[in-house]
Amino acid sequence: MDRVAQMVVKMQLEPMIEPLFHKDSYGYRPFRSAHDALGRARRRCWQYDWVIDLDIKGFFDNIHMIYCYARCVNTRESGGSSCILSGG
């Protein structure tokens, strides 16, 4: 019964929430996989001369969440379709 309820919720929420994700978001997205993300990263390695490497372990423990929320609201108000998490 739990799986049925989960699928009903997924079918209702996914069409509303899916457009809010960034086009380069691949985690747990319909019709996207880790292989797609790797392919995209591989293509970008040839497009750009720089790389940003982030270690997100403890990331949300070390930033002020009020900045994240404020940035998200500002992005929404300016017509953006995604939230940008920023520590400042």
N, C-alpha and C. Protein backbone atom coordinates (compact mmCIF):
# COMPACT_ATOMS: atom_id res chain seq x y z
N MET A 1 0.82 -1.20 0.00
CA MET A 1 0.00 0.00 0.00
C MET A 1 0.86 1.26 0.00
N ASP A 2 2.01 1.21 0.69
CA ASP A 2 2.89 2.38 0.73
C ASP A 2 3.39 2.74 -0.66
N ARG A 3 3.74 1.74 -1.44
CA ARG A 3 4.25 2.00 -2.80
C ARG A 3 3.18 2.64 -3.68
N VAL A 4 1.95 2.22 -3.51
CA VAL A 4 0.86 2.80 -4.28
C VAL A 4 0.70 4.28 -3.90
N ALA A 5 0.71 4.56 -2.60
CA ALA A 5 0.58 5.94 -2.13
C ALA A 5 1.75 6.79 -2.62
N GLN A 6 2.96 6.25 -2.58
CA GLN A 6 4.13 6.98 -3.06
C GLN A 6 4.00 7.31 -4.55
N MET A 7 3.52 6.35 -5.32
CA MET A 7 3.37 6.57 -6.76
C MET A 7 2.31 7.62 -7.06
N VAL A 8 1.22 7.62 -6.29
CA VAL A 8 0.18 8.62 -6.48
C VAL A 8 0.73 10.02 -6.19
N VAL A 9 1.46 10.16 -5.11
CA VAL A 9 2.06 11.45 -4.76
C VAL A 9 3.05 11.87 -5.84
N LYS A 10 3.89 10.94 -6.28
CA LYS A 10 4.88 11.22 -7.32
C LYS A 10 4.21 11.71 -8.60
N MET A 11 3.15 11.02 -9.00
CA MET A 11 2.46 11.38 -10.23
C MET A 11 1.81 12.76 -10.15
N GLN A 12 1.40 13.16 -8.95
CA GLN A 12 0.78 14.47 -8.78
C GLN A 12 1.81 15.60 -8.67
N LEU A 13 2.88 15.35 -7.93
CA LEU A 13 3.87 16.41 -7.67
C LEU A 13 4.90 16.58 -8.77
N GLU A 14 5.31 15.50 -9.39
CA GLU A 14 6.40 15.57 -10.36
C GLU A 14 6.15 16.56 -11.49
N PRO A 15 4.99 16.59 -12.12
CA PRO A 15 4.78 17.56 -13.20
C PRO A 15 4.85 19.02 -12.73
N MET A 16 4.52 19.27 -11.48
CA MET A 16 4.58 20.65 -10.96
C MET A 16 6.00 21.04 -10.56
N ILE A 17 6.75 20.09 -10.01
CA ILE A 17 8.06 20.40 -9.44
C ILE A 17 9.18 20.26 -10.46
N GLU A 18 9.04 19.36 -11.39
CA GLU A 18 10.10 19.10 -12.37
C GLU A 18 10.58 20.36 -13.10
N PRO A 19 9.71 21.26 -13.54
CA PRO A 19 10.19 22.47 -14.23
C PRO A 19 11.01 23.40 -13.35
N LEU A 20 10.95 23.25 -12.04
CA LEU A 20 11.69 24.13 -11.14
C LEU A 20 13.17 23.74 -11.02
N PHE A 21 13.51 22.51 -11.39
CA PHE A 21 14.89 22.05 -11.28
C PHE A 21 15.75 22.67 -12.38
N HIS A 22 17.00 22.85 -12.07
CA HIS A 22 17.96 23.33 -13.06
C HIS A 22 18.13 22.28 -14.14
N LYS A 23 18.36 22.70 -15.36
CA LYS A 23 18.48 21.75 -16.47
C LYS A 23 19.65 20.78 -16.30
N ASP A 24 20.63 21.14 -15.47
CA ASP A 24 21.79 20.27 -15.25
C ASP A 24 21.68 19.45 -13.98
N SER A 25 20.49 19.36 -13.41
CA SER A 25 20.27 18.54 -12.24
C SER A 25 19.93 17.12 -12.70
N TYR A 26 20.69 16.13 -12.23
CA TYR A 26 20.50 14.77 -12.70
C TYR A 26 20.07 13.80 -11.60
N GLY A 27 20.16 14.16 -10.35
CA GLY A 27 19.87 13.24 -9.26
C GLY A 27 18.39 12.93 -9.11
N TYR A 28 18.02 11.67 -9.22
CA TYR A 28 16.65 11.19 -9.02
C TYR A 28 15.65 11.93 -9.90
N ARG A 29 16.05 12.17 -11.14
CA ARG A 29 15.17 12.87 -12.08
C ARG A 29 14.69 11.90 -13.14
N PRO A 30 13.46 12.08 -13.64
CA PRO A 30 12.96 11.18 -14.67
C PRO A 30 13.77 11.31 -15.95
N PHE A 31 14.09 10.18 -16.54
CA PHE A 31 14.81 10.10 -17.80
C PHE A 31 16.22 10.68 -17.74
N ARG A 32 16.81 10.74 -16.55
CA ARG A 32 18.19 11.21 -16.38
C ARG A 32 18.93 10.23 -15.49
N SER A 33 20.19 10.06 -15.77
CA SER A 33 20.97 9.09 -15.00
C SER A 33 22.35 9.63 -14.69
N ALA A 34 23.08 8.88 -13.90
CA ALA A 34 24.47 9.25 -13.61
C ALA A 34 25.30 9.24 -14.88
N HIS A 35 24.97 8.36 -15.81
CA HIS A 35 25.69 8.32 -17.08
C HIS A 35 25.45 9.61 -17.88
N ASP A 36 24.25 10.15 -17.81
CA ASP A 36 23.97 11.43 -18.48
C ASP A 36 24.80 12.55 -17.86
N ALA A 37 24.88 12.55 -16.53
CA ALA A 37 25.66 13.58 -15.83
C ALA A 37 27.15 13.47 -16.19
N LEU A 38 27.66 12.25 -16.25
CA LEU A 38 29.06 12.07 -16.63
C LEU A 38 29.32 12.51 -18.06
N GLY A 39 28.39 12.21 -18.94
CA GLY A 39 28.54 12.65 -20.33
C GLY A 39 28.56 14.15 -20.45
N ARG A 40 27.70 14.80 -19.69
CA ARG A 40 27.65 16.28 -19.69
C ARG A 40 28.96 16.85 -19.14
N ALA A 41 29.44 16.27 -18.05
CA ALA A 41 30.70 16.73 -17.45
C ALA A 41 31.86 16.53 -18.42
N ARG A 42 31.86 15.41 -19.10
CA ARG A 42 32.93 15.11 -20.07
C ARG A 42 32.92 16.14 -21.21
N ARG A 43 31.74 16.47 -21.72
CA ARG A 43 31.66 17.48 -22.80
C ARG A 43 32.14 18.84 -22.30
N ARG A 44 31.78 19.18 -21.07
CA ARG A 44 32.19 20.49 -20.54
C ARG A 44 33.69 20.57 -20.26
N CYS A 45 34.30 19.44 -19.98
CA CYS A 45 35.75 19.45 -19.77
C CYS A 45 36.48 19.94 -21.01
N TRP A 46 35.90 19.70 -22.17
CA TRP A 46 36.52 20.14 -23.41
C TRP A 46 36.11 21.56 -23.78
N GLN A 47 35.04 22.08 -23.19
CA GLN A 47 34.55 23.42 -23.51
C GLN A 47 35.23 24.51 -22.69
N TYR A 48 35.59 24.21 -21.44
CA TYR A 48 36.09 25.23 -20.53
C TYR A 48 37.50 24.92 -20.07
N ASP A 49 38.23 25.97 -19.72
CA ASP A 49 39.61 25.82 -19.26
C ASP A 49 39.72 25.78 -17.74
N TRP A 50 38.61 25.72 -17.02
CA TRP A 50 38.64 25.74 -15.57
C TRP A 50 37.64 24.73 -15.01
N VAL A 51 37.87 24.34 -13.77
CA VAL A 51 37.02 23.37 -13.08
C VAL A 51 36.81 23.85 -11.66
N ILE A 52 35.61 23.68 -11.14
CA ILE A 52 35.33 23.98 -9.74
C ILE A 52 35.03 22.65 -9.06
N ASP A 53 35.77 22.35 -8.03
CA ASP A 53 35.59 21.10 -7.29
C ASP A 53 35.07 21.45 -5.91
N LEU A 54 33.93 20.91 -5.55
CA LEU A 54 33.32 21.20 -4.25
C LEU A 54 33.19 19.94 -3.43
N ASP A 55 33.46 20.08 -2.16
CA ASP A 55 33.22 18.99 -1.21
C ASP A 55 32.06 19.45 -0.34
N ILE A 56 30.89 18.83 -0.52
CA ILE A 56 29.70 19.32 0.18
C ILE A 56 29.50 18.67 1.53
N LYS A 57 30.44 17.87 1.98
CA LYS A 57 30.30 17.26 3.31
C LYS A 57 30.26 18.37 4.35
N GLY A 58 29.19 18.46 5.06
CA GLY A 58 29.05 19.48 6.10
C GLY A 58 28.74 20.87 5.56
N PHE A 59 28.46 20.98 4.26
CA PHE A 59 28.22 22.29 3.65
C PHE A 59 27.11 23.05 4.36
N PHE A 60 25.97 22.40 4.57
CA PHE A 60 24.84 23.08 5.18
C PHE A 60 25.01 23.29 6.68
N ASP A 61 26.00 22.64 7.28
CA ASP A 61 26.31 22.89 8.68
C ASP A 61 27.16 24.14 8.85
N ASN A 62 27.76 24.61 7.77
CA ASN A 62 28.74 25.68 7.86
C ASN A 62 28.32 26.98 7.19
N ILE A 63 27.09 27.07 6.72
CA ILE A 63 26.62 28.32 6.13
C ILE A 63 25.40 28.80 6.91
N HIS A 64 25.14 30.06 6.81
CA HIS A 64 23.98 30.63 7.46
C HIS A 64 22.77 30.42 6.55
N MET A 65 21.80 29.66 7.00
CA MET A 65 20.66 29.31 6.17
C MET A 65 19.84 30.54 5.78
N ILE A 66 19.88 31.59 6.55
CA ILE A 66 19.12 32.79 6.20
C ILE A 66 19.58 33.35 4.86
N TYR A 67 20.88 33.21 4.54
CA TYR A 67 21.38 33.66 3.24
C TYR A 67 20.83 32.80 2.12
N CYS A 68 20.72 31.51 2.36
CA CYS A 68 20.17 30.62 1.34
C CYS A 68 18.72 30.97 1.06
N TYR A 69 17.94 31.15 2.10
CA TYR A 69 16.54 31.47 1.91
C TYR A 69 16.36 32.82 1.22
N ALA A 70 17.12 33.80 1.63
CA ALA A 70 17.01 35.13 1.04
C ALA A 70 17.36 35.08 -0.44
N ARG A 71 18.38 34.37 -0.79
CA ARG A 71 18.80 34.27 -2.19
C ARG A 71 17.73 33.55 -3.01
N CYS A 72 17.13 32.55 -2.44
CA CYS A 72 16.08 31.80 -3.12
C CYS A 72 14.88 32.71 -3.39
N VAL A 73 14.48 33.47 -2.41
CA VAL A 73 13.34 34.38 -2.57
C VAL A 73 13.66 35.43 -3.62
N ASN A 74 14.86 36.02 -3.57
CA ASN A 74 15.23 37.03 -4.55
C ASN A 74 15.24 36.47 -5.96
N THR A 75 15.69 35.25 -6.11
CA THR A 75 15.71 34.62 -7.43
C THR A 75 14.28 34.43 -7.94
N ARG A 76 13.39 33.98 -7.07
CA ARG A 76 12.00 33.79 -7.45
C ARG A 76 11.36 35.11 -7.87
N GLU A 77 11.61 36.17 -7.10
CA GLU A 77 10.99 37.45 -7.38
C GLU A 77 11.46 38.03 -8.70
N SER A 78 12.68 37.71 -9.10
CA SER A 78 13.21 38.26 -10.35
C SER A 78 12.85 37.39 -11.55
N GLY A 79 11.99 36.40 -11.34
CA GLY A 79 11.54 35.57 -12.44
C GLY A 79 12.40 34.35 -12.69
N GLY A 80 13.35 34.08 -11.81
CA GLY A 80 14.20 32.90 -11.97
C GLY A 80 13.41 31.63 -11.74
N SER A 81 13.91 30.55 -12.29
CA SER A 81 13.19 29.29 -12.16
C SER A 81 13.88 28.33 -11.21
N SER A 82 14.93 28.79 -10.54
CA SER A 82 15.61 27.90 -9.59
C SER A 82 16.20 28.73 -8.47
N CYS A 83 16.43 28.07 -7.37
CA CYS A 83 17.05 28.73 -6.22
C CYS A 83 18.56 28.56 -6.31
N ILE A 84 19.26 29.60 -5.97
CA ILE A 84 20.71 29.55 -5.94
C ILE A 84 21.14 29.59 -4.48
N LEU A 85 21.78 28.55 -4.01
CA LEU A 85 22.24 28.52 -2.64
C LEU A 85 23.57 29.24 -2.55
N SER A 86 23.64 30.22 -1.69
CA SER A 86 24.85 31.00 -1.55
C SER A 86 25.07 31.35 -0.10
N GLY A 87 26.30 31.36 0.32
CA GLY A 87 26.60 31.68 1.69
C GLY A 87 26.79 33.16 1.94
N GLY A 88 26.62 33.99 0.98
CA GLY A 88 26.81 35.41 1.19
C GLY A 88 26.43 36.25 0.01
